[in-house]
Amino acid sequence: MANILRKMMDKSNPHGAMANGSITNYTMEGLLRVDLVFGVAYDSEIHKAKDLLLSLVMENPKVLKVPAPVVAVLELADSSVNLVVRPYCPAIAPGAGHEINGSVT
């Protein structure tokens, strides 16, 4: 039994990339990432929805240009394609997420 576990442990290191890689902590740099999820219908033009969300995010003065905001497909849910919007804002400028949500709805 111990031999089987040792073999499994030798071949599995799920945290290897994290332990051996470089991690950037944007919070320490005074940045805050806002995570917003929006569902769009399956028959929607996804690229247009992504472009619209990106333009709304970029209009907000609290959203930083660098690092650039990300708009991507997060998941294929039961009744919608869920898009994630991830802009960065200065940590001292809270409320950007609420403002972006308000501009979309």
PDB file of N, CA and C in Angstrom:
ATOM      1  N   MET A   1       0.817  -1.194   0.000  1.00  0.00           N
ATOM      2  CA  MET A   1       0.000   0.000   0.000  1.00  0.00           C
ATOM      3  C   MET A   1       0.862   1.260   0.000  1.00  0.00           C
ATOM      4  N   ALA A   2       1.905   1.273   0.834  1.00  0.00           N
ATOM      5  CA  ALA A   2       2.779   2.438   0.903  1.00  0.00           C
ATOM      6  C   ALA A   2       3.461   2.683  -0.432  1.00  0.00           C
ATOM      7  N   ASN A   3       3.825   1.611  -1.135  1.00  0.00           N
ATOM      8  CA  ASN A   3       4.476   1.748  -2.428  1.00  0.00           C
ATOM      9  C   ASN A   3       3.541   2.391  -3.444  1.00  0.00           C
ATOM     10  N   ILE A   4       2.265   2.020  -3.427  1.00  0.00           N
ATOM     11  CA  ILE A   4       1.282   2.611  -4.335  1.00  0.00           C
ATOM     12  C   ILE A   4       1.128   4.093  -4.039  1.00  0.00           C
ATOM     13  N   LEU A   5       1.009   4.462  -2.781  1.00  0.00           N
ATOM     14  CA  LEU A   5       0.876   5.865  -2.424  1.00  0.00           C
ATOM     15  C   LEU A   5       2.112   6.648  -2.820  1.00  0.00           C
ATOM     16  N   ARG A   6       3.283   6.078  -2.628  1.00  0.00           N
ATOM     17  CA  ARG A   6       4.520   6.766  -2.980  1.00  0.00           C
ATOM     18  C   ARG A   6       4.560   7.024  -4.489  1.00  0.00           C
ATOM     19  N   LYS A   7       4.137   6.038  -5.291  1.00  0.00           N
ATOM     20  CA  LYS A   7       4.113   6.224  -6.739  1.00  0.00           C
ATOM     21  C   LYS A   7       3.131   7.326  -7.126  1.00  0.00           C
ATOM     22  N   MET A   8       1.978   7.342  -6.476  1.00  0.00           N
ATOM     23  CA  MET A   8       0.991   8.375  -6.775  1.00  0.00           C
ATOM     24  C   MET A   8       1.534   9.756  -6.402  1.00  0.00           C
ATOM     25  N   MET A   9       2.200   9.829  -5.273  1.00  0.00           N
ATOM     26  CA  MET A   9       2.737  11.102  -4.829  1.00  0.00           C
ATOM     27  C   MET A   9       3.881  11.559  -5.719  1.00  0.00           C
ATOM     28  N   ASP A  10       4.663  10.615  -6.223  1.00  0.00           N
ATOM     29  CA  ASP A  10       5.772  10.970  -7.093  1.00  0.00           C
ATOM     30  C   ASP A  10       5.294  11.570  -8.413  1.00  0.00           C
ATOM     31  N   LYS A  11       4.129  11.163  -8.856  1.00  0.00           N
ATOM     32  CA  LYS A  11       3.637  11.604 -10.152  1.00  0.00           C
ATOM     33  C   LYS A  11       2.675  12.774 -10.076  1.00  0.00           C
ATOM     34  N   SER A  12       2.292  13.166  -8.897  1.00  0.00           N
ATOM     35  CA  SER A  12       1.289  14.215  -8.767  1.00  0.00           C
ATOM     36  C   SER A  12       1.825  15.359  -7.929  1.00  0.00           C
ATOM     37  N   ASN A  13       1.859  16.533  -8.532  1.00  0.00           N
ATOM     38  CA  ASN A  13       2.256  17.731  -7.804  1.00  0.00           C
ATOM     39  C   ASN A  13       1.392  18.884  -8.297  1.00  0.00           C
ATOM     40  N   PRO A  14       0.139  18.951  -7.860  1.00  0.00           N
ATOM     41  CA  PRO A  14      -0.770  19.964  -8.390  1.00  0.00           C
ATOM     42  C   PRO A  14      -0.363  21.389  -8.059  1.00  0.00           C
ATOM     43  N   HIS A  15       0.455  21.575  -7.048  1.00  0.00           N
ATOM     44  CA  HIS A  15       0.856  22.922  -6.657  1.00  0.00           C
ATOM     45  C   HIS A  15       2.256  23.268  -7.153  1.00  0.00           C
ATOM     46  N   GLY A  16       2.819  22.405  -7.999  1.00  0.00           N
ATOM     47  CA  GLY A  16       4.176  22.620  -8.486  1.00  0.00           C
ATOM     48  C   GLY A  16       4.350  23.946  -9.196  1.00  0.00           C
ATOM     49  N   ALA A  17       3.428  24.283 -10.083  1.00  0.00           N
ATOM     50  CA  ALA A  17       3.540  25.551 -10.813  1.00  0.00           C
ATOM     51  C   ALA A  17       3.482  26.734  -9.863  1.00  0.00           C
ATOM     52  N   MET A  18       2.638  26.641  -8.850  1.00  0.00           N
ATOM     53  CA  MET A  18       2.532  27.735  -7.897  1.00  0.00           C
ATOM     54  C   MET A  18       3.783  27.820  -7.028  1.00  0.00           C
ATOM     55  N   ALA A  19       4.270  26.682  -6.585  1.00  0.00           N
ATOM     56  CA  ALA A  19       5.434  26.673  -5.696  1.00  0.00           C
ATOM     57  C   ALA A  19       6.707  27.063  -6.431  1.00  0.00           C
ATOM     58  N   ASN A  20       6.803  26.720  -7.699  1.00  0.00           N
ATOM     59  CA  ASN A  20       8.035  26.957  -8.453  1.00  0.00           C
ATOM     60  C   ASN A  20       7.958  28.181  -9.361  1.00  0.00           C
ATOM     61  N   GLY A  21       6.763  28.742  -9.520  1.00  0.00           N
ATOM     62  CA  GLY A  21       6.592  29.850 -10.441  1.00  0.00           C
ATOM     63  C   GLY A  21       6.639  31.196  -9.754  1.00  0.00           C
ATOM     64  N   SER A  22       6.350  32.198 -10.522  1.00  0.00           N
ATOM     65  CA  SER A  22       6.337  33.567 -10.025  1.00  0.00           C
ATOM     66  C   SER A  22       4.891  34.029  -9.907  1.00  0.00           C
ATOM     67  N   ILE A  23       4.542  34.590  -8.764  1.00  0.00           N
ATOM     68  CA  ILE A  23       3.185  35.060  -8.518  1.00  0.00           C
ATOM     69  C   ILE A  23       3.243  36.565  -8.297  1.00  0.00           C
ATOM     70  N   THR A  24       2.411  37.297  -9.015  1.00  0.00           N
ATOM     71  CA  THR A  24       2.337  38.740  -8.827  1.00  0.00           C
ATOM     72  C   THR A  24       1.143  39.057  -7.955  1.00  0.00           C
ATOM     73  N   ASN A  25       1.387  39.670  -6.815  1.00  0.00           N
ATOM     74  CA  ASN A  25       0.332  40.065  -5.896  1.00  0.00           C
ATOM     75  C   ASN A  25      -0.002  41.527  -6.179  1.00  0.00           C
ATOM     76  N   TYR A  26      -1.034  41.747  -7.005  1.00  0.00           N
ATOM     77  CA  TYR A  26      -1.390  43.109  -7.390  1.00  0.00           C
ATOM     78  C   TYR A  26      -1.918  43.921  -6.214  1.00  0.00           C
ATOM     79  N   THR A  27      -2.479  43.277  -5.219  1.00  0.00           N
ATOM     80  CA  THR A  27      -2.985  43.998  -4.057  1.00  0.00           C
ATOM     81  C   THR A  27      -1.848  44.716  -3.346  1.00  0.00           C
ATOM     82  N   MET A  28      -0.698  44.076  -3.269  1.00  0.00           N
ATOM     83  CA  MET A  28       0.464  44.703  -2.644  1.00  0.00           C
ATOM     84  C   MET A  28       0.921  45.918  -3.440  1.00  0.00           C
ATOM     85  N   GLU A  29       0.585  45.957  -4.720  1.00  0.00           N
ATOM     86  CA  GLU A  29       0.943  47.093  -5.566  1.00  0.00           C
ATOM     87  C   GLU A  29      -0.150  48.161  -5.559  1.00  0.00           C
ATOM     88  N   GLY A  30      -1.151  47.994  -4.697  1.00  0.00           N
ATOM     89  CA  GLY A  30      -2.220  48.981  -4.614  1.00  0.00           C
ATOM     90  C   GLY A  30      -3.323  48.799  -5.625  1.00  0.00           C
ATOM     91  N   LEU A  31      -3.435  47.601  -6.198  1.00  0.00           N
ATOM     92  CA  LEU A  31      -4.460  47.329  -7.204  1.00  0.00           C
ATOM     93  C   LEU A  31      -5.489  46.352  -6.656  1.00  0.00           C
ATOM     94  N   LEU A  32      -6.693  46.491  -7.155  1.00  0.00           N
ATOM     95  CA  LEU A  32      -7.785  45.615  -6.759  1.00  0.00           C
ATOM     96  C   LEU A  32      -8.446  45.104  -8.032  1.00  0.00           C
ATOM     97  N   ARG A  33      -8.552  43.774  -8.190  1.00  0.00           N
ATOM     98  CA  ARG A  33      -9.240  43.210  -9.353  1.00  0.00           C
ATOM     99  C   ARG A  33     -10.696  43.003  -8.993  1.00  0.00           C
ATOM    100  N   VAL A  34     -11.560  43.462  -9.857  1.00  0.00           N
ATOM    101  CA  VAL A  34     -12.997  43.301  -9.682  1.00  0.00           C
ATOM    102  C   VAL A  34     -13.438  42.168 -10.593  1.00  0.00           C
ATOM    103  N   ASP A  35     -14.164  41.192 -10.052  1.00  0.00           N
ATOM    104  CA  ASP A  35     -14.673  40.076 -10.843  1.00  0.00           C
ATOM    105  C   ASP A  35     -16.177  40.215 -10.992  1.00  0.00           C
ATOM    106  N   LEU A  36     -16.637  40.358 -12.212  1.00  0.00           N
ATOM    107  CA  LEU A  36     -18.068  40.493 -12.508  1.00  0.00           C
ATOM    108  C   LEU A  36     -18.458  39.413 -13.506  1.00  0.00           C
ATOM    109  N   VAL A  37     -19.621  38.822 -13.318  1.00  0.00           N
ATOM    110  CA  VAL A  37     -20.097  37.781 -14.227  1.00  0.00           C
ATOM    111  C   VAL A  37     -21.428  38.225 -14.825  1.00  0.00           C
ATOM    112  N   PHE A  38     -21.516  38.115 -16.143  1.00  0.00           N
ATOM    113  CA  PHE A  38     -22.739  38.462 -16.866  1.00  0.00           C
ATOM    114  C   PHE A  38     -23.140  37.283 -17.734  1.00  0.00           C
ATOM    115  N   GLY A  39     -24.406  36.922 -17.684  1.00  0.00           N
ATOM    116  CA  GLY A  39     -24.925  35.837 -18.506  1.00  0.00           C
ATOM    117  C   GLY A  39     -25.576  36.381 -19.758  1.00  0.00           C
ATOM    118  N   VAL A  40     -25.264  35.783 -20.886  1.00  0.00           N
ATOM    119  CA  VAL A  40     -25.907  36.150 -22.149  1.00  0.00           C
ATOM    120  C   VAL A  40     -26.515  34.888 -22.749  1.00  0.00           C
ATOM    121  N   ALA A  41     -27.546  35.074 -23.525  1.00  0.00           N
ATOM    122  CA  ALA A  41     -28.252  33.935 -24.127  1.00  0.00           C
ATOM    123  C   ALA A  41     -27.354  33.193 -25.105  1.00  0.00           C
ATOM    124  N   TYR A  42     -27.617  31.909 -25.246  1.00  0.00           N
ATOM    125  CA  TYR A  42     -26.818  31.085 -26.146  1.00  0.00           C
ATOM    126  C   TYR A  42     -26.891  31.554 -27.593  1.00  0.00           C
ATOM    127  N   ASP A  43     -28.005  32.145 -27.983  1.00  0.00           N
ATOM    128  CA  ASP A  43     -28.122  32.586 -29.372  1.00  0.00           C
ATOM    129  C   ASP A  43     -27.597  34.007 -29.576  1.00  0.00           C
ATOM    130  N   SER A  44     -26.947  34.587 -28.576  1.00  0.00           N
ATOM    131  CA  SER A  44     -26.352  35.922 -28.691  1.00  0.00           C
ATOM    132  C   SER A  44     -25.058  35.846 -29.497  1.00  0.00           C
ATOM    133  N   GLU A  45     -24.670  36.999 -30.019  1.00  0.00           N
ATOM    134  CA  GLU A  45     -23.373  37.102 -30.681  1.00  0.00           C
ATOM    135  C   GLU A  45     -22.350  37.398 -29.582  1.00  0.00           C
ATOM    136  N   ILE A  46     -21.660  36.375 -29.150  1.00  0.00           N
ATOM    137  CA  ILE A  46     -20.775  36.458 -27.992  1.00  0.00           C
ATOM    138  C   ILE A  46     -19.695  37.520 -28.188  1.00  0.00           C
ATOM    139  N   HIS A  47     -19.114  37.600 -29.371  1.00  0.00           N
ATOM    140  CA  HIS A  47     -18.047  38.585 -29.585  1.00  0.00           C
ATOM    141  C   HIS A  47     -18.566  40.014 -29.435  1.00  0.00           C
ATOM    142  N   LYS A  48     -19.814  40.264 -29.832  1.00  0.00           N
ATOM    143  CA  LYS A  48     -20.392  41.606 -29.661  1.00  0.00           C
ATOM    144  C   LYS A  48     -20.645  41.898 -28.184  1.00  0.00           C
ATOM    145  N   ALA A  49     -21.109  40.889 -27.447  1.00  0.00           N
ATOM    146  CA  ALA A  49     -21.334  41.070 -26.014  1.00  0.00           C
ATOM    147  C   ALA A  49     -20.008  41.350 -25.306  1.00  0.00           C
ATOM    148  N   LYS A  50     -18.957  40.635 -25.668  1.00  0.00           N
ATOM    149  CA  LYS A  50     -17.642  40.868 -25.069  1.00  0.00           C
ATOM    150  C   LYS A  50     -17.127  42.261 -25.402  1.00  0.00           C
ATOM    151  N   ASP A  51     -17.284  42.685 -26.660  1.00  0.00           N
ATOM    152  CA  ASP A  51     -16.840  44.028 -27.061  1.00  0.00           C
ATOM    153  C   ASP A  51     -17.607  45.115 -26.314  1.00  0.00           C
ATOM    154  N   LEU A  52     -18.921  44.923 -26.158  1.00  0.00           N
ATOM    155  CA  LEU A  52     -19.738  45.898 -25.438  1.00  0.00           C
ATOM    156  C   LEU A  52     -19.315  45.990 -23.973  1.00  0.00           C
ATOM    157  N   LEU A  53     -19.116  44.854 -23.330  1.00  0.00           N
ATOM    158  CA  LEU A  53     -18.687  44.865 -21.931  1.00  0.00           C
ATOM    159  C   LEU A  53     -17.321  45.518 -21.773  1.00  0.00           C
ATOM    160  N   LEU A  54     -16.406  45.233 -22.680  1.00  0.00           N
ATOM    161  CA  LEU A  54     -15.088  45.845 -22.601  1.00  0.00           C
ATOM    162  C   LEU A  54     -15.173  47.358 -22.777  1.00  0.00           C
ATOM    163  N   SER A  55     -16.002  47.827 -23.708  1.00  0.00           N
ATOM    164  CA  SER A  55     -16.124  49.278 -23.906  1.00  0.00           C
ATOM    165  C   SER A  55     -16.758  49.944 -22.685  1.00  0.00           C
ATOM    166  N   LEU A  56     -17.754  49.296 -22.061  1.00  0.00           N
ATOM    167  CA  LEU A  56     -18.353  49.867 -20.847  1.00  0.00           C
ATOM    168  C   LEU A  56     -17.356  49.924 -19.701  1.00  0.00           C
ATOM    169  N   VAL A  57     -16.542  48.894 -19.583  1.00  0.00           N
ATOM    170  CA  VAL A  57     -15.533  48.871 -18.526  1.00  0.00           C
ATOM    171  C   VAL A  57     -14.508  49.980 -18.753  1.00  0.00           C
ATOM    172  N   MET A  58     -14.062  50.128 -19.982  1.00  0.00           N
ATOM    173  CA  MET A  58     -13.027  51.121 -20.280  1.00  0.00           C
ATOM    174  C   MET A  58     -13.520  52.557 -20.115  1.00  0.00           C
ATOM    175  N   GLU A  59     -14.831  52.773 -20.172  1.00  0.00           N
ATOM    176  CA  GLU A  59     -15.396  54.115 -19.964  1.00  0.00           C
ATOM    177  C   GLU A  59     -15.334  54.553 -18.505  1.00  0.00           C
ATOM    178  N   ASN A  60     -15.225  53.597 -17.590  1.00  0.00           N
ATOM    179  CA  ASN A  60     -15.209  53.930 -16.172  1.00  0.00           C
ATOM    180  C   ASN A  60     -13.845  54.506 -15.800  1.00  0.00           C
ATOM    181  N   PRO A  61     -13.819  55.722 -15.229  1.00  0.00           N
ATOM    182  CA  PRO A  61     -12.535  56.355 -14.908  1.00  0.00           C
ATOM    183  C   PRO A  61     -11.741  55.633 -13.810  1.00  0.00           C
ATOM    184  N   LYS A  62     -12.388  54.769 -13.039  1.00  0.00           N
ATOM    185  CA  LYS A  62     -11.677  54.038 -11.983  1.00  0.00           C
ATOM    186  C   LYS A  62     -10.925  52.819 -12.512  1.00  0.00           C
ATOM    187  N   VAL A  63     -11.239  52.409 -13.737  1.00  0.00           N
ATOM    188  CA  VAL A  63     -10.617  51.218 -14.314  1.00  0.00           C
ATOM    189  C   VAL A  63      -9.269  51.597 -14.921  1.00  0.00           C
ATOM    190  N   LEU A  64      -8.249  50.829 -14.550  1.00  0.00           N
ATOM    191  CA  LEU A  64      -6.903  51.076 -15.067  1.00  0.00           C
ATOM    192  C   LEU A  64      -6.723  50.471 -16.454  1.00  0.00           C
ATOM    193  N   LYS A  65      -5.876  51.102 -17.249  1.00  0.00           N
ATOM    194  CA  LYS A  65      -5.561  50.583 -18.590  1.00  0.00           C
ATOM    195  C   LYS A  65      -4.512  49.470 -18.495  1.00  0.00           C
ATOM    196  N   VAL A  66      -3.636  49.557 -17.473  1.00  0.00           N
ATOM    197  CA  VAL A  66      -2.599  48.555 -17.250  1.00  0.00           C
ATOM    198  C   VAL A  66      -2.648  48.144 -15.794  1.00  0.00           C
ATOM    199  N   PRO A  67      -2.798  46.878 -15.468  1.00  0.00           N
ATOM    200  CA  PRO A  67      -3.016  45.770 -16.390  1.00  0.00           C
ATOM    201  C   PRO A  67      -4.380  45.875 -17.070  1.00  0.00           C
ATOM    202  N   ALA A  68      -4.420  45.435 -18.285  1.00  0.00           N
ATOM    203  CA  ALA A  68      -5.631  45.567 -19.101  1.00  0.00           C
ATOM    204  C   ALA A  68      -6.774  44.719 -18.553  1.00  0.00           C
ATOM    205  N   PRO A  69      -8.005  45.221 -18.662  1.00  0.00           N
ATOM    206  CA  PRO A  69      -9.159  44.418 -18.256  1.00  0.00           C
ATOM    207  C   PRO A  69      -9.300  43.181 -19.143  1.00  0.00           C
ATOM    208  N   VAL A  70      -9.894  42.150 -18.565  1.00  0.00           N
ATOM    209  CA  VAL A  70     -10.123  40.902 -19.299  1.00  0.00           C
ATOM    210  C   VAL A  70     -11.622  40.663 -19.392  1.00  0.00           C
ATOM    211  N   VAL A  71     -12.080  40.312 -20.572  1.00  0.00           N
ATOM    212  CA  VAL A  71     -13.463  39.865 -20.779  1.00  0.00           C
ATOM    213  C   VAL A  71     -13.359  38.528 -21.494  1.00  0.00           C
ATOM    214  N   ALA A  72     -13.892  37.478 -20.867  1.00  0.00           N
ATOM    215  CA  ALA A  72     -13.754  36.137 -21.431  1.00  0.00           C
ATOM    216  C   ALA A  72     -14.956  35.283 -21.078  1.00  0.00           C
ATOM    217  N   VAL A  73     -15.117  34.198 -21.815  1.00  0.00           N
ATOM    218  CA  VAL A  73     -16.153  33.217 -21.489  1.00  0.00           C
ATOM    219  C   VAL A  73     -15.699  32.474 -20.237  1.00  0.00           C
ATOM    220  N   LEU A  74     -16.528  32.507 -19.210  1.00  0.00           N
ATOM    221  CA  LEU A  74     -16.219  31.829 -17.955  1.00  0.00           C
ATOM    222  C   LEU A  74     -16.746  30.399 -17.963  1.00  0.00           C
ATOM    223  N   GLU A  75     -18.007  30.246 -18.402  1.00  0.00           N
ATOM    224  CA  GLU A  75     -18.595  28.912 -18.403  1.00  0.00           C
ATOM    225  C   GLU A  75     -19.802  28.861 -19.324  1.00  0.00           C
ATOM    226  N   LEU A  76     -20.119  27.660 -19.724  1.00  0.00           N
ATOM    227  CA  LEU A  76     -21.333  27.400 -20.481  1.00  0.00           C
ATOM    228  C   LEU A  76     -22.338  26.853 -19.482  1.00  0.00           C
ATOM    229  N   ALA A  77     -23.201  27.714 -18.990  1.00  0.00           N
ATOM    230  CA  ALA A  77     -24.165  27.332 -17.956  1.00  0.00           C
ATOM    231  C   ALA A  77     -25.398  26.700 -18.593  1.00  0.00           C
ATOM    232  N   ASP A  78     -26.347  26.328 -17.746  1.00  0.00           N
ATOM    233  CA  ASP A  78     -27.550  25.659 -18.235  1.00  0.00           C
ATOM    234  C   ASP A  78     -28.334  26.508 -19.232  1.00  0.00           C
ATOM    235  N   SER A  79     -28.485  27.786 -18.940  1.00  0.00           N
ATOM    236  CA  SER A  79     -29.337  28.615 -19.803  1.00  0.00           C
ATOM    237  C   SER A  79     -28.632  29.863 -20.318  1.00  0.00           C
ATOM    238  N   SER A  80     -27.329  29.970 -20.114  1.00  0.00           N
ATOM    239  CA  SER A  80     -26.611  31.152 -20.594  1.00  0.00           C
ATOM    240  C   SER A  80     -25.130  30.852 -20.759  1.00  0.00           C
ATOM    241  N   VAL A  81     -24.495  31.698 -21.555  1.00  0.00           N
ATOM    242  CA  VAL A  81     -23.041  31.714 -21.636  1.00  0.00           C
ATOM    243  C   VAL A  81     -22.602  32.793 -20.657  1.00  0.00           C
ATOM    244  N   ASN A  82     -21.852  32.426 -19.641  1.00  0.00           N
ATOM    245  CA  ASN A  82     -21.440  33.386 -18.622  1.00  0.00           C
ATOM    246  C   ASN A  82     -20.096  33.996 -18.991  1.00  0.00           C
ATOM    247  N   LEU A  83     -20.100  35.312 -19.084  1.00  0.00           N
ATOM    248  CA  LEU A  83     -18.885  36.054 -19.386  1.00  0.00           C
ATOM    249  C   LEU A  83     -18.349  36.644 -18.093  1.00  0.00           C
ATOM    250  N   VAL A  84     -17.045  36.602 -17.925  1.00  0.00           N
ATOM    251  CA  VAL A  84     -16.417  37.215 -16.763  1.00  0.00           C
ATOM    252  C   VAL A  84     -15.725  38.490 -17.228  1.00  0.00           C
ATOM    253  N   VAL A  85     -15.875  39.530 -16.440  1.00  0.00           N
ATOM    254  CA  VAL A  85     -15.229  40.820 -16.691  1.00  0.00           C
ATOM    255  C   VAL A  85     -14.313  41.068 -15.505  1.00  0.00           C
ATOM    256  N   ARG A  86     -13.022  41.280 -15.775  1.00  0.00           N
ATOM    257  CA  ARG A  86     -12.041  41.445 -14.698  1.00  0.00           C
ATOM    258  C   ARG A  86     -11.195  42.692 -14.932  1.00  0.00           C
ATOM    259  N   PRO A  87     -11.714  43.839 -14.514  1.00  0.00           N
ATOM    260  CA  PRO A  87     -10.888  45.048 -14.586  1.00  0.00           C
ATOM    261  C   PRO A  87     -10.083  45.228 -13.300  1.00  0.00           C
ATOM    262  N   TYR A  88      -9.004  45.979 -13.386  1.00  0.00           N
ATOM    263  CA  TYR A  88      -8.220  46.360 -12.214  1.00  0.00           C
ATOM    264  C   TYR A  88      -8.487  47.824 -11.906  1.00  0.00           C
ATOM    265  N   CYS A  89      -8.546  48.129 -10.619  1.00  0.00           N
ATOM    266  CA  CYS A  89      -8.798  49.480 -10.141  1.00  0.00           C
ATOM    267  C   CYS A  89      -7.809  49.781  -9.030  1.00  0.00           C
ATOM    268  N   PRO A  90      -7.549  51.066  -8.779  1.00  0.00           N
ATOM    269  CA  PRO A  90      -6.736  51.378  -7.609  1.00  0.00           C
ATOM    270  C   PRO A  90      -7.461  50.912  -6.346  1.00  0.00           C
ATOM    271  N   ALA A  91      -6.721  50.364  -5.407  1.00  0.00           N
ATOM    272  CA  ALA A  91      -7.333  49.863  -4.170  1.00  0.00           C
ATOM    273  C   ALA A  91      -7.994  50.981  -3.379  1.00  0.00           C
ATOM    274  N   ILE A  92      -7.600  52.210  -3.640  1.00  0.00           N
ATOM    275  CA  ILE A  92      -8.179  53.339  -2.906  1.00  0.00           C
ATOM    276  C   ILE A  92      -9.429  53.891  -3.581  1.00  0.00           C
ATOM    277  N   ALA A  93      -9.863  53.268  -4.679  1.00  0.00           N
ATOM    278  CA  ALA A  93     -11.045  53.738  -5.410  1.00  0.00           C
ATOM    279  C   ALA A  93     -12.090  52.635  -5.464  1.00  0.00           C
ATOM    280  N   PRO A  94     -12.706  52.307  -4.322  1.00  0.00           N
ATOM    281  CA  PRO A  94     -13.700  51.234  -4.336  1.00  0.00           C
ATOM    282  C   PRO A  94     -14.985  51.656  -5.055  1.00  0.00           C
ATOM    283  N   GLY A  95     -15.803  50.696  -5.383  1.00  0.00           N
ATOM    284  CA  GLY A  95     -17.098  50.981  -5.983  1.00  0.00           C
ATOM    285  C   GLY A  95     -17.150  50.827  -7.487  1.00  0.00           C
ATOM    286  N   ALA A  96     -16.026  50.517  -8.102  1.00  0.00           N
ATOM    287  CA  ALA A  96     -16.014  50.391  -9.566  1.00  0.00           C
ATOM    288  C   ALA A  96     -16.930  49.250 -10.008  1.00  0.00           C
ATOM    289  N   GLY A  97     -16.928  48.143  -9.278  1.00  0.00           N
ATOM    290  CA  GLY A  97     -17.774  47.014  -9.640  1.00  0.00           C
ATOM    291  C   GLY A  97     -19.240  47.375  -9.670  1.00  0.00           C
ATOM    292  N   HIS A  98     -19.690  48.128  -8.662  1.00  0.00           N
ATOM    293  CA  HIS A  98     -21.083  48.563  -8.620  1.00  0.00           C
ATOM    294  C   HIS A  98     -21.393  49.512  -9.778  1.00  0.00           C
ATOM    295  N   GLU A  99     -20.454  50.381 -10.099  1.00  0.00           N
ATOM    296  CA  GLU A  99     -20.664  51.321 -11.203  1.00  0.00           C
ATOM    297  C   GLU A  99     -20.748  50.590 -12.541  1.00  0.00           C
ATOM    298  N   ILE A 100     -19.878  49.597 -12.728  1.00  0.00           N
ATOM    299  CA  ILE A 100     -19.906  48.842 -13.987  1.00  0.00           C
ATOM    300  C   ILE A 100     -21.188  48.039 -14.076  1.00  0.00           C
ATOM    301  N   ASN A 101     -21.581  47.401 -12.996  1.00  0.00           N
ATOM    302  CA  ASN A 101     -22.852  46.667 -12.988  1.00  0.00           C
ATOM    303  C   ASN A 101     -24.006  47.601 -13.343  1.00  0.00           C
ATOM    304  N   GLY A 102     -24.001  48.788 -12.777  1.00  0.00           N
ATOM    305  CA  GLY A 102     -25.073  49.760 -13.047  1.00  0.00           C
ATOM    306  C   GLY A 102     -25.106  50.209 -14.491  1.00  0.00           C
ATOM    307  N   SER A 103     -23.933  50.307 -15.125  1.00  0.00           N
ATOM    308  CA  SER A 103     -23.908  50.759 -16.519  1.00  0.00           C
ATOM    309  C   SER A 103     -24.368  49.657 -17.472  1.00  0.00           C
ATOM    310  N   VAL A 104     -24.303  48.408 -17.045  1.00  0.00           N
ATOM    311  CA  VAL A 104     -24.720  47.297 -17.900  1.00  0.00           C
ATOM    312  C   VAL A 104     -26.221  47.060 -17.794  1.00  0.00           C
ATOM    313  N   THR A 105     -26.764  47.182 -16.580  1.00  0.00           N
ATOM    314  CA  THR A 105     -28.181  46.849 -16.400  1.00  0.00           C
ATOM    315  C   THR A 105     -29.111  47.953 -16.791  1.00  0.00           C
TER     316      THR A 105
END
